[in-house]
Protein backbone atom coordinates (compact mmCIF):
# COMPACT_ATOMS: atom_id res chain seq x y z
CA UNK A 1 0.00 0.00 0.00
CA UNK A 2 1.27 3.44 -0.92
CA UNK A 3 1.04 6.07 1.81
CA UNK A 4 0.00 9.67 1.26
CA UNK A 5 3.57 10.96 1.27
CA UNK A 6 5.00 8.61 -1.34
CA UNK A 7 2.27 9.22 -3.90
CA UNK A 8 4.28 12.06 -5.47
CA UNK A 9 7.70 10.42 -5.47
CA UNK A 10 8.64 9.78 -9.11
CA UNK A 11 10.40 6.49 -8.29
CA UNK A 12 7.28 5.09 -6.58
CA UNK A 13 5.10 6.12 -9.52
CA UNK A 14 7.56 4.53 -11.95
CA UNK A 15 7.66 1.29 -9.99
CA UNK A 16 3.87 1.03 -9.79
CA UNK A 17 3.33 1.74 -13.48
CA UNK A 18 6.23 -0.30 -14.84
CA UNK A 19 5.53 -3.42 -12.76
CA UNK A 20 1.87 -3.68 -13.69
CA UNK A 21 1.21 -6.76 -15.83
CA UNK A 22 -1.88 -5.61 -17.66
CA UNK A 23 -3.37 -2.36 -16.31
CA UNK A 24 -3.08 0.27 -13.63
CA UNK A 25 -6.15 1.43 -11.74
CA UNK A 26 -5.84 4.64 -9.77
CA UNK A 27 -8.59 5.44 -7.31
CA UNK A 28 -8.64 8.95 -5.97
CA UNK A 29 -9.31 12.56 -6.70
CA UNK A 30 -7.34 13.77 -9.73
CA UNK A 31 -7.37 17.33 -8.40
CA UNK A 32 -5.72 16.19 -5.18
CA UNK A 33 -3.03 14.33 -7.10
CA UNK A 34 -2.25 17.33 -9.29
CA UNK A 35 -2.20 19.84 -6.44
CA UNK A 36 -0.06 17.59 -4.24
CA UNK A 37 2.35 16.91 -7.09
CA UNK A 38 2.72 20.63 -7.82
CA UNK A 39 3.16 21.53 -4.13
CA UNK A 40 5.79 18.85 -3.47
CA UNK A 41 7.71 18.87 -6.74
CA UNK A 42 6.95 22.33 -8.14
CA UNK A 43 7.41 22.58 -11.87
CA UNK A 44 9.95 19.75 -11.93
CA UNK A 45 7.19 17.15 -11.57
CA UNK A 46 4.55 16.23 -14.05
CA UNK A 47 4.16 12.45 -14.03
CA UNK A 48 0.62 12.55 -12.59
CA UNK A 49 -0.20 15.38 -14.96
CA UNK A 50 1.02 13.31 -17.91
CA UNK A 51 -0.84 10.22 -16.68
CA UNK A 52 -4.13 12.12 -16.22
CA UNK A 53 -3.80 13.81 -19.62
CA UNK A 54 -3.38 10.37 -21.17
CA UNK A 55 -6.47 9.15 -19.30
CA UNK A 56 -8.51 12.14 -20.52
CA UNK A 57 -7.36 11.63 -24.11
CA UNK A 58 -8.16 7.93 -24.07
CA UNK A 59 -11.49 8.41 -22.30
CA UNK A 60 -10.53 6.32 -19.28
CA UNK A 61 -10.83 9.02 -16.62
CA UNK A 62 -14.10 8.20 -14.84
CA UNK A 63 -15.79 11.32 -13.48
CA UNK A 64 -19.22 9.76 -12.84
CA UNK A 65 -18.91 10.27 -9.09
CA UNK A 66 -18.71 14.03 -9.71
CA UNK A 67 -21.32 14.31 -12.45
CA UNK A 68 -23.88 12.55 -10.25
CA UNK A 69 -23.64 15.30 -7.61
CA UNK A 70 -24.87 18.12 -9.84
CA UNK A 71 -24.12 19.67 -13.21
CA UNK A 72 -22.74 22.77 -11.44
CA UNK A 73 -20.25 20.77 -9.34
CA UNK A 74 -19.21 18.79 -12.43
CA UNK A 75 -18.63 21.96 -14.44
CA UNK A 76 -16.43 23.54 -11.74
CA UNK A 77 -14.59 20.23 -11.23
CA UNK A 78 -13.75 19.85 -14.92
CA UNK A 79 -12.74 23.50 -15.15
CA UNK A 80 -10.33 23.06 -12.23
CA UNK A 81 -8.96 19.80 -13.65
CA UNK A 82 -8.33 21.32 -17.08
CA UNK A 83 -6.73 24.37 -15.46
CA UNK A 84 -4.32 22.23 -13.47
CA UNK A 85 -3.47 20.14 -16.52
CA UNK A 86 -2.69 23.34 -18.42
CA UNK A 87 -0.50 24.83 -15.65
CA UNK A 88 -2.87 27.68 -14.81
CA UNK A 89 -2.36 29.80 -11.71
CA UNK A 90 -2.31 27.57 -8.61
CA UNK A 91 -4.16 30.08 -6.37
CA UNK A 92 -7.00 30.33 -8.89
CA UNK A 93 -7.24 26.53 -9.12
CA UNK A 94 -7.32 26.14 -5.32
CA UNK A 95 -10.21 28.63 -5.24
CA UNK A 96 -12.00 26.45 -7.80
CA UNK A 97 -11.43 23.39 -5.63
CA UNK A 98 -12.81 25.22 -2.58
CA UNK A 99 -15.85 26.13 -4.70
CA UNK A 100 -16.33 22.45 -5.49
CA UNK A 101 -16.21 21.58 -1.82
CA UNK A 102 -18.74 24.27 -0.96
CA UNK A 103 -21.10 23.24 -3.76
CA UNK A 104 -20.84 19.63 -2.62
CA UNK A 105 -22.20 20.34 0.85
């Protein structure tokens, strides 16, 4: 099991992805992964960003859990996700994430 601190260590990510025999399933919030990666590694990171971009392009990023809450929450969520994937301002993206949390209540 990977703990919350090792999730953004490039060597751990590489080991998990390269040792998989057929597929890798990641369960979690993509926004959390992107924010944590950026906070820990700064601009030198990018492996989660690359992975999530690949998932979006291939249609394998499942966002059903968000879209079932409400169309408004889904819209803000996708806006924040796309912003993080495009290296938009981190403060702006955190405000978007806070908006998601408030809309989810």
